[in-house]
Full PDB file with SEQRES, HELIX, SHEET, SSBOND, CRYST1, ORIGX, SCALE, CONECT and MASTER records, all heavy atoms in Angstrom:
SEQRES   1 A   31  TYR VAL SER GLU PRO ILE HIS LEU GLN PRO GLU PRO ALA          
SEQRES   2 A   31  ASP ARG GLU ALA GLU ILE THR HIS ASN ALA GLU LEU VAL          
SEQRES   3 A   31  LEU ALA HIS ALA GLU                                          
HELIX    1 AA1 ARG A   15  ALA A   30  1                                  16    
CRYST1    1.000    1.000    1.000  90.00  90.00  90.00 P 1           1          
ORIGX1      1.000000  0.000000  0.000000        0.00000                         
ORIGX2      0.000000  1.000000  0.000000        0.00000                         
ORIGX3      0.000000  0.000000  1.000000        0.00000                         
SCALE1      1.000000  0.000000  0.000000        0.00000                         
SCALE2      0.000000  1.000000  0.000000        0.00000                         
SCALE3      0.000000  0.000000  1.000000        0.00000                         
ATOM      1  N   TYR A   1       9.151  15.337  -8.530  1.00  0.00           N  
ATOM      2  CA  TYR A   1       7.844  14.735  -8.731  1.00  0.00           C  
ATOM      3  C   TYR A   1       7.216  14.478  -7.346  1.00  0.00           C  
ATOM      4  O   TYR A   1       7.905  13.933  -6.459  1.00  0.00           O  
ATOM      5  CB  TYR A   1       7.992  13.379  -9.457  1.00  0.00           C  
ATOM      6  CG  TYR A   1       6.763  12.540  -9.451  1.00  0.00           C  
ATOM      7  CD1 TYR A   1       5.744  12.757 -10.390  1.00  0.00           C  
ATOM      8  CD2 TYR A   1       6.582  11.572  -8.507  1.00  0.00           C  
ATOM      9  CE1 TYR A   1       4.596  11.982 -10.355  1.00  0.00           C  
ATOM     10  CE2 TYR A   1       5.420  10.787  -8.460  1.00  0.00           C  
ATOM     11  CZ  TYR A   1       4.446  11.006  -9.382  1.00  0.00           C  
ATOM     12  OH  TYR A   1       3.296  10.266  -9.381  1.00  0.00           O  
ATOM     13  N   VAL A   2       5.981  14.842  -7.212  1.00  0.00           N  
ATOM     14  CA  VAL A   2       5.223  14.562  -6.008  1.00  0.00           C  
ATOM     15  C   VAL A   2       3.915  13.898  -6.446  1.00  0.00           C  
ATOM     16  O   VAL A   2       3.161  14.473  -7.236  1.00  0.00           O  
ATOM     17  CB  VAL A   2       4.926  15.819  -5.174  1.00  0.00           C  
ATOM     18  CG1 VAL A   2       4.116  15.494  -3.942  1.00  0.00           C  
ATOM     19  CG2 VAL A   2       6.228  16.531  -4.790  1.00  0.00           C  
ATOM     20  N   SER A   3       3.633  12.688  -5.959  1.00  0.00           N  
ATOM     21  CA  SER A   3       2.471  11.940  -6.372  1.00  0.00           C  
ATOM     22  C   SER A   3       1.180  12.481  -5.761  1.00  0.00           C  
ATOM     23  O   SER A   3       1.224  13.240  -4.789  1.00  0.00           O  
ATOM     24  CB  SER A   3       2.628  10.461  -5.984  1.00  0.00           C  
ATOM     25  OG  SER A   3       2.387  10.268  -4.597  1.00  0.00           O  
ATOM     26  N   GLU A   4       0.108  12.062  -6.309  1.00  0.00           N  
ATOM     27  CA  GLU A   4      -1.180  12.242  -5.669  1.00  0.00           C  
ATOM     28  C   GLU A   4      -1.167  11.319  -4.437  1.00  0.00           C  
ATOM     29  O   GLU A   4      -0.372  10.350  -4.385  1.00  0.00           O  
ATOM     30  CB  GLU A   4      -2.320  11.809  -6.618  1.00  0.00           C  
ATOM     31  CG  GLU A   4      -2.470  12.703  -7.830  1.00  0.00           C  
ATOM     32  CD  GLU A   4      -2.933  14.113  -7.475  1.00  0.00           C  
ATOM     33  OE1 GLU A   4      -3.724  14.247  -6.526  1.00  0.00           O  
ATOM     34  OE2 GLU A   4      -2.475  15.052  -8.118  1.00  0.00           O  
ATOM     35  N   PRO A   5      -2.054  11.572  -3.473  1.00  0.00           N  
ATOM     36  CA  PRO A   5      -2.099  10.668  -2.301  1.00  0.00           C  
ATOM     37  C   PRO A   5      -2.371   9.226  -2.705  1.00  0.00           C  
ATOM     38  O   PRO A   5      -3.207   8.968  -3.576  1.00  0.00           O  
ATOM     39  CB  PRO A   5      -3.234  11.262  -1.463  1.00  0.00           C  
ATOM     40  CG  PRO A   5      -3.323  12.673  -1.868  1.00  0.00           C  
ATOM     41  CD  PRO A   5      -2.941  12.714  -3.342  1.00  0.00           C  
ATOM     42  N   ILE A   6      -1.636   8.317  -2.096  1.00  0.00           N  
ATOM     43  CA  ILE A   6      -1.851   6.900  -2.297  1.00  0.00           C  
ATOM     44  C   ILE A   6      -2.619   6.383  -1.058  1.00  0.00           C  
ATOM     45  O   ILE A   6      -2.077   6.386   0.037  1.00  0.00           O  
ATOM     46  CB  ILE A   6      -0.535   6.119  -2.454  1.00  0.00           C  
ATOM     47  CG1 ILE A   6       0.270   6.721  -3.634  1.00  0.00           C  
ATOM     48  CG2 ILE A   6      -0.783   4.635  -2.583  1.00  0.00           C  
ATOM     49  CD1 ILE A   6       1.717   6.254  -3.659  1.00  0.00           C  
ATOM     50  N   HIS A   7      -3.879   6.072  -1.267  1.00  0.00           N  
ATOM     51  CA  HIS A   7      -4.722   5.650  -0.154  1.00  0.00           C  
ATOM     52  C   HIS A   7      -4.517   4.161   0.123  1.00  0.00           C  
ATOM     53  O   HIS A   7      -4.740   3.310  -0.756  1.00  0.00           O  
ATOM     54  CB  HIS A   7      -6.192   5.940  -0.465  1.00  0.00           C  
ATOM     55  CG  HIS A   7      -6.449   7.416  -0.578  1.00  0.00           C  
ATOM     56  ND1 HIS A   7      -6.649   8.219   0.476  1.00  0.00           N  
ATOM     57  CD2 HIS A   7      -6.462   8.225  -1.672  1.00  0.00           C  
ATOM     58  CE1 HIS A   7      -6.801   9.464   0.092  1.00  0.00           C  
ATOM     59  NE2 HIS A   7      -6.694   9.491  -1.223  1.00  0.00           N  
ATOM     60  N   LEU A   8      -4.076   3.884   1.303  1.00  0.00           N  
ATOM     61  CA  LEU A   8      -3.802   2.501   1.718  1.00  0.00           C  
ATOM     62  C   LEU A   8      -5.115   1.776   1.994  1.00  0.00           C  
ATOM     63  O   LEU A   8      -6.098   2.429   2.303  1.00  0.00           O  
ATOM     64  CB  LEU A   8      -2.878   2.486   2.929  1.00  0.00           C  
ATOM     65  CG  LEU A   8      -1.535   3.204   2.696  1.00  0.00           C  
ATOM     66  CD1 LEU A   8      -0.691   3.090   3.976  1.00  0.00           C  
ATOM     67  CD2 LEU A   8      -0.790   2.663   1.526  1.00  0.00           C  
ATOM     68  N   GLN A   9      -5.056   0.473   1.851  1.00  0.00           N  
ATOM     69  CA  GLN A   9      -6.291  -0.321   2.010  1.00  0.00           C  
ATOM     70  C   GLN A   9      -6.211  -1.199   3.250  1.00  0.00           C  
ATOM     71  O   GLN A   9      -5.502  -2.212   3.245  1.00  0.00           O  
ATOM     72  CB  GLN A   9      -6.482  -1.168   0.745  1.00  0.00           C  
ATOM     73  CG  GLN A   9      -6.573  -0.288  -0.481  1.00  0.00           C  
ATOM     74  CD  GLN A   9      -6.311  -1.062  -1.759  1.00  0.00           C  
ATOM     75  OE1 GLN A   9      -6.052  -2.282  -1.787  1.00  0.00           O  
ATOM     76  NE2 GLN A   9      -6.361  -0.359  -2.904  1.00  0.00           N  
ATOM     77  N   PRO A  10      -6.904  -0.842   4.317  1.00  0.00           N  
ATOM     78  CA  PRO A  10      -6.871  -1.629   5.538  1.00  0.00           C  
ATOM     79  C   PRO A  10      -7.434  -3.050   5.327  1.00  0.00           C  
ATOM     80  O   PRO A  10      -8.390  -3.218   4.590  1.00  0.00           O  
ATOM     81  CB  PRO A  10      -7.754  -0.861   6.518  1.00  0.00           C  
ATOM     82  CG  PRO A  10      -7.858   0.517   5.938  1.00  0.00           C  
ATOM     83  CD  PRO A  10      -7.704   0.361   4.471  1.00  0.00           C  
ATOM     84  N   GLU A  11      -6.830  -4.025   5.958  1.00  0.00           N  
ATOM     85  CA  GLU A  11      -7.308  -5.419   5.949  1.00  0.00           C  
ATOM     86  C   GLU A  11      -7.194  -5.919   7.376  1.00  0.00           C  
ATOM     87  O   GLU A  11      -6.264  -6.691   7.695  1.00  0.00           O  
ATOM     88  CB  GLU A  11      -6.460  -6.260   5.013  1.00  0.00           C  
ATOM     89  CG  GLU A  11      -6.562  -5.866   3.544  1.00  0.00           C  
ATOM     90  CD  GLU A  11      -5.697  -6.769   2.646  1.00  0.00           C  
ATOM     91  OE1 GLU A  11      -5.565  -7.967   2.939  1.00  0.00           O  
ATOM     92  OE2 GLU A  11      -5.154  -6.252   1.670  1.00  0.00           O  
ATOM     93  N   PRO A  12      -8.070  -5.472   8.267  1.00  0.00           N  
ATOM     94  CA  PRO A  12      -7.943  -5.803   9.691  1.00  0.00           C  
ATOM     95  C   PRO A  12      -7.907  -7.277  10.022  1.00  0.00           C  
ATOM     96  O   PRO A  12      -7.343  -7.704  11.036  1.00  0.00           O  
ATOM     97  CB  PRO A  12      -9.134  -5.117  10.340  1.00  0.00           C  
ATOM     98  CG  PRO A  12      -9.774  -4.288   9.300  1.00  0.00           C  
ATOM     99  CD  PRO A  12      -9.230  -4.674   7.970  1.00  0.00           C  
ATOM    100  N   ALA A  13      -8.480  -8.108   9.159  1.00  0.00           N  
ATOM    101  CA  ALA A  13      -8.536  -9.528   9.435  1.00  0.00           C  
ATOM    102  C   ALA A  13      -7.192 -10.220   9.270  1.00  0.00           C  
ATOM    103  O   ALA A  13      -6.964 -11.292   9.832  1.00  0.00           O  
ATOM    104  CB  ALA A  13      -9.583 -10.220   8.541  1.00  0.00           C  
ATOM    105  N   ASP A  14      -6.291  -9.610   8.486  1.00  0.00           N  
ATOM    106  CA  ASP A  14      -4.993 -10.255   8.241  1.00  0.00           C  
ATOM    107  C   ASP A  14      -3.908  -9.169   8.190  1.00  0.00           C  
ATOM    108  O   ASP A  14      -3.623  -8.612   7.143  1.00  0.00           O  
ATOM    109  CB  ASP A  14      -5.044 -11.050   6.922  1.00  0.00           C  
ATOM    110  CG  ASP A  14      -3.789 -11.846   6.688  1.00  0.00           C  
ATOM    111  OD1 ASP A  14      -2.768 -11.630   7.370  1.00  0.00           O  
ATOM    112  OD2 ASP A  14      -3.836 -12.757   5.809  1.00  0.00           O  
ATOM    113  N   ARG A  15      -3.283  -8.937   9.343  1.00  0.00           N  
ATOM    114  CA  ARG A  15      -2.325  -7.867   9.468  1.00  0.00           C  
ATOM    115  C   ARG A  15      -1.129  -8.014   8.534  1.00  0.00           C  
ATOM    116  O   ARG A  15      -0.672  -7.045   7.905  1.00  0.00           O  
ATOM    117  CB  ARG A  15      -1.863  -7.804  10.946  1.00  0.00           C  
ATOM    118  CG  ARG A  15      -0.909  -6.706  11.233  1.00  0.00           C  
ATOM    119  CD  ARG A  15      -1.637  -5.408  11.277  1.00  0.00           C  
ATOM    120  NE  ARG A  15      -0.736  -4.418  11.824  1.00  0.00           N  
ATOM    121  CZ  ARG A  15      -0.960  -3.140  11.708  1.00  0.00           C  
ATOM    122  NH1 ARG A  15      -2.055  -2.715  11.170  1.00  0.00           N  
ATOM    123  NH2 ARG A  15      -0.105  -2.285  12.199  1.00  0.00           N  
ATOM    124  N   GLU A  16      -0.593  -9.197   8.403  1.00  0.00           N  
ATOM    125  CA  GLU A  16       0.576  -9.428   7.535  1.00  0.00           C  
ATOM    126  C   GLU A  16       0.219  -9.152   6.071  1.00  0.00           C  
ATOM    127  O   GLU A  16       0.973  -8.536   5.359  1.00  0.00           O  
ATOM    128  CB  GLU A  16       1.113 -10.850   7.704  1.00  0.00           C  
ATOM    129  CG  GLU A  16       1.757 -11.085   9.073  1.00  0.00           C  
ATOM    130  CD  GLU A  16       2.943 -10.196   9.325  1.00  0.00           C  
ATOM    131  OE1 GLU A  16       3.827 -10.073   8.465  1.00  0.00           O  
ATOM    132  OE2 GLU A  16       2.985  -9.595  10.428  1.00  0.00           O  
ATOM    133  N   ALA A  17      -0.952  -9.625   5.653  1.00  0.00           N  
ATOM    134  CA  ALA A  17      -1.425  -9.394   4.291  1.00  0.00           C  
ATOM    135  C   ALA A  17      -1.650  -7.886   4.045  1.00  0.00           C  
ATOM    136  O   ALA A  17      -1.313  -7.350   2.971  1.00  0.00           O  
ATOM    137  CB  ALA A  17      -2.694 -10.151   3.983  1.00  0.00           C  
ATOM    138  N   GLU A  18      -2.175  -7.207   5.068  1.00  0.00           N  
ATOM    139  CA  GLU A  18      -2.403  -5.765   4.972  1.00  0.00           C  
ATOM    140  C   GLU A  18      -1.091  -5.020   4.749  1.00  0.00           C  
ATOM    141  O   GLU A  18      -0.996  -4.151   3.864  1.00  0.00           O  
ATOM    142  CB  GLU A  18      -3.050  -5.263   6.269  1.00  0.00           C  
ATOM    143  CG  GLU A  18      -3.223  -3.793   6.372  1.00  0.00           C  
ATOM    144  CD  GLU A  18      -3.759  -3.365   7.749  1.00  0.00           C  
ATOM    145  OE1 GLU A  18      -3.189  -3.780   8.755  1.00  0.00           O  
ATOM    146  OE2 GLU A  18      -4.772  -2.641   7.748  1.00  0.00           O  
ATOM    147  N   ILE A  19      -0.043  -5.341   5.510  1.00  0.00           N  
ATOM    148  CA  ILE A  19       1.220  -4.654   5.419  1.00  0.00           C  
ATOM    149  C   ILE A  19       1.842  -4.966   4.044  1.00  0.00           C  
ATOM    150  O   ILE A  19       2.290  -4.044   3.300  1.00  0.00           O  
ATOM    151  CB  ILE A  19       2.170  -5.099   6.526  1.00  0.00           C  
ATOM    152  CG1 ILE A  19       1.622  -4.637   7.902  1.00  0.00           C  
ATOM    153  CG2 ILE A  19       3.575  -4.550   6.296  1.00  0.00           C  
ATOM    154  CD1 ILE A  19       1.577  -3.174   8.155  1.00  0.00           C  
ATOM    155  N   THR A  20       1.880  -6.243   3.659  1.00  0.00           N  
ATOM    156  CA  THR A  20       2.506  -6.612   2.382  1.00  0.00           C  
ATOM    157  C   THR A  20       1.793  -5.994   1.198  1.00  0.00           C  
ATOM    158  O   THR A  20       2.398  -5.395   0.338  1.00  0.00           O  
ATOM    159  CB  THR A  20       2.524  -8.151   2.244  1.00  0.00           C  
ATOM    160  OG1 THR A  20       3.309  -8.708   3.336  1.00  0.00           O  
ATOM    161  CG2 THR A  20       3.102  -8.583   0.901  1.00  0.00           C  
ATOM    162  N   HIS A  21       0.465  -6.114   1.186  1.00  0.00           N  
ATOM    163  CA  HIS A  21      -0.311  -5.564   0.076  1.00  0.00           C  
ATOM    164  C   HIS A  21      -0.076  -4.057  -0.110  1.00  0.00           C  
ATOM    165  O   HIS A  21       0.160  -3.582  -1.213  1.00  0.00           O  
ATOM    166  CB  HIS A  21      -1.791  -5.877   0.262  1.00  0.00           C  
ATOM    167  CG  HIS A  21      -2.669  -5.140  -0.692  1.00  0.00           C  
ATOM    168  ND1 HIS A  21      -2.803  -5.525  -1.999  1.00  0.00           N  
ATOM    169  CD2 HIS A  21      -3.439  -4.007  -0.537  1.00  0.00           C  
ATOM    170  CE1 HIS A  21      -3.625  -4.659  -2.642  1.00  0.00           C  
ATOM    171  NE2 HIS A  21      -4.007  -3.758  -1.761  1.00  0.00           N  
ATOM    172  N   ASN A  22      -0.130  -3.333   0.998  1.00  0.00           N  
ATOM    173  CA  ASN A  22       0.015  -1.867   0.908  1.00  0.00           C  
ATOM    174  C   ASN A  22       1.456  -1.448   0.596  1.00  0.00           C  
ATOM    175  O   ASN A  22       1.661  -0.489  -0.146  1.00  0.00           O  
ATOM    176  CB  ASN A  22      -0.501  -1.204   2.180  1.00  0.00           C  
ATOM    177  CG  ASN A  22      -1.999  -1.194   2.212  1.00  0.00           C  
ATOM    178  OD1 ASN A  22      -2.649  -0.552   1.376  1.00  0.00           O  
ATOM    179  ND2 ASN A  22      -2.605  -1.967   3.098  1.00  0.00           N  
ATOM    180  N   ALA A  23       2.436  -2.164   1.114  1.00  0.00           N  
ATOM    181  CA  ALA A  23       3.825  -1.827   0.764  1.00  0.00           C  
ATOM    182  C   ALA A  23       4.064  -2.091  -0.724  1.00  0.00           C  
ATOM    183  O   ALA A  23       4.738  -1.264  -1.401  1.00  0.00           O  
ATOM    184  CB  ALA A  23       4.772  -2.682   1.613  1.00  0.00           C  
ATOM    185  N   GLU A  24       3.489  -3.162  -1.254  1.00  0.00           N  
ATOM    186  CA  GLU A  24       3.624  -3.406  -2.682  1.00  0.00           C  
ATOM    187  C   GLU A  24       2.865  -2.385  -3.533  1.00  0.00           C  
ATOM    188  O   GLU A  24       3.251  -2.058  -4.637  1.00  0.00           O  
ATOM    189  CB  GLU A  24       3.175  -4.834  -3.007  1.00  0.00           C  
ATOM    190  CG  GLU A  24       4.188  -5.864  -2.496  1.00  0.00           C  
ATOM    191  CD  GLU A  24       3.766  -7.314  -2.671  1.00  0.00           C  
ATOM    192  OE1 GLU A  24       2.571  -7.576  -2.971  1.00  0.00           O  
ATOM    193  OE2 GLU A  24       4.634  -8.198  -2.522  1.00  0.00           O  
ATOM    194  N   LEU A  25       1.742  -1.897  -2.989  1.00  0.00           N  
ATOM    195  CA  LEU A  25       0.994  -0.836  -3.643  1.00  0.00           C  
ATOM    196  C   LEU A  25       1.871   0.432  -3.799  1.00  0.00           C  
ATOM    197  O   LEU A  25       1.937   1.033  -4.864  1.00  0.00           O  
ATOM    198  CB  LEU A  25      -0.265  -0.513  -2.882  1.00  0.00           C  
ATOM    199  CG  LEU A  25      -1.122   0.654  -3.354  1.00  0.00           C  
ATOM    200  CD1 LEU A  25      -1.779   0.323  -4.697  1.00  0.00           C  
ATOM    201  CD2 LEU A  25      -2.211   0.962  -2.308  1.00  0.00           C  
ATOM    202  N   VAL A  26       2.559   0.800  -2.747  1.00  0.00           N  
ATOM    203  CA  VAL A  26       3.431   1.943  -2.798  1.00  0.00           C  
ATOM    204  C   VAL A  26       4.618   1.703  -3.747  1.00  0.00           C  
ATOM    205  O   VAL A  26       4.929   2.572  -4.588  1.00  0.00           O  
ATOM    206  CB  VAL A  26       3.942   2.309  -1.394  1.00  0.00           C  
ATOM    207  CG1 VAL A  26       5.022   3.402  -1.446  1.00  0.00           C  
ATOM    208  CG2 VAL A  26       2.811   2.770  -0.494  1.00  0.00           C  
ATOM    209  N   LEU A  27       5.195   0.525  -3.713  1.00  0.00           N  
ATOM    210  CA  LEU A  27       6.287   0.186  -4.620  1.00  0.00           C  
ATOM    211  C   LEU A  27       5.859   0.205  -6.057  1.00  0.00           C  
ATOM    212  O   LEU A  27       6.606   0.630  -6.941  1.00  0.00           O  
ATOM    213  CB  LEU A  27       6.897  -1.160  -4.259  1.00  0.00           C  
ATOM    214  CG  LEU A  27       7.680  -1.235  -2.988  1.00  0.00           C  
ATOM    215  CD1 LEU A  27       8.029  -2.690  -2.627  1.00  0.00           C  
ATOM    216  CD2 LEU A  27       8.954  -0.402  -3.090  1.00  0.00           C  
ATOM    217  N   ALA A  28       4.606  -0.200  -6.349  1.00  0.00           N  
ATOM    218  CA  ALA A  28       4.103  -0.190  -7.701  1.00  0.00           C  
ATOM    219  C   ALA A  28       4.036   1.234  -8.239  1.00  0.00           C  
ATOM    220  O   ALA A  28       4.198   1.465  -9.447  1.00  0.00           O  
ATOM    221  CB  ALA A  28       2.696  -0.874  -7.760  1.00  0.00           C  
ATOM    222  N   HIS A  29       3.808   2.197  -7.371  1.00  0.00           N  
ATOM    223  CA  HIS A  29       3.817   3.612  -7.795  1.00  0.00           C  
ATOM    224  C   HIS A  29       5.250   4.108  -7.990  1.00  0.00           C  
ATOM    225  O   HIS A  29       5.474   5.026  -8.791  1.00  0.00           O  
ATOM    226  CB  HIS A  29       3.105   4.474  -6.749  1.00  0.00           C  
ATOM    227  CG  HIS A  29       1.618   4.447  -6.839  1.00  0.00           C  
ATOM    228  ND1 HIS A  29       0.877   3.426  -6.291  1.00  0.00           N  
ATOM    229  CD2 HIS A  29       0.743   5.287  -7.413  1.00  0.00           C  
ATOM    230  CE1 HIS A  29      -0.386   3.636  -6.513  1.00  0.00           C  
ATOM    231  NE2 HIS A  29      -0.522   4.759  -7.202  1.00  0.00           N  
ATOM    232  N   ALA A  30       6.216   3.520  -7.277  1.00  0.00           N  
ATOM    233  CA  ALA A  30       7.612   3.924  -7.408  1.00  0.00           C  
ATOM    234  C   ALA A  30       8.289   3.376  -8.671  1.00  0.00           C  
ATOM    235  O   ALA A  30       9.154   3.961  -9.226  1.00  0.00           O  
ATOM    236  CB  ALA A  30       8.374   3.544  -6.170  1.00  0.00           C  
ATOM    237  N   GLU A  31       7.844   2.166  -9.080  1.00  0.00           N  
ATOM    238  CA  GLU A  31       8.510   1.501 -10.219  1.00  0.00           C  
ATOM    239  C   GLU A  31       8.565   2.371 -11.454  1.00  0.00           C  
ATOM    240  O   GLU A  31       9.623   2.484 -12.082  1.00  0.00           O  
ATOM    241  CB  GLU A  31       7.827   0.179 -10.482  1.00  0.00           C  
ATOM    242  CG  GLU A  31       8.146  -0.904  -9.462  1.00  0.00           C  
ATOM    243  CD  GLU A  31       7.467  -2.223  -9.744  1.00  0.00           C  
ATOM    244  OE1 GLU A  31       6.868  -2.402 -10.847  1.00  0.00           O  
ATOM    245  OE2 GLU A  31       7.502  -3.107  -8.841  1.00  0.00           O  
TER     246      GLU A  31                                                      
MASTER        0    0    0    1    0    0    0    6  245    1    0    3          
END                                                                             
């Protein structure tokens, strides 16, 4: 299985939230 591209969502104002949100976005596709 190869997914469609998962476009990450930049959040320049909050780097930690940006990393967490996008990592969880990828994991949500893996679940």
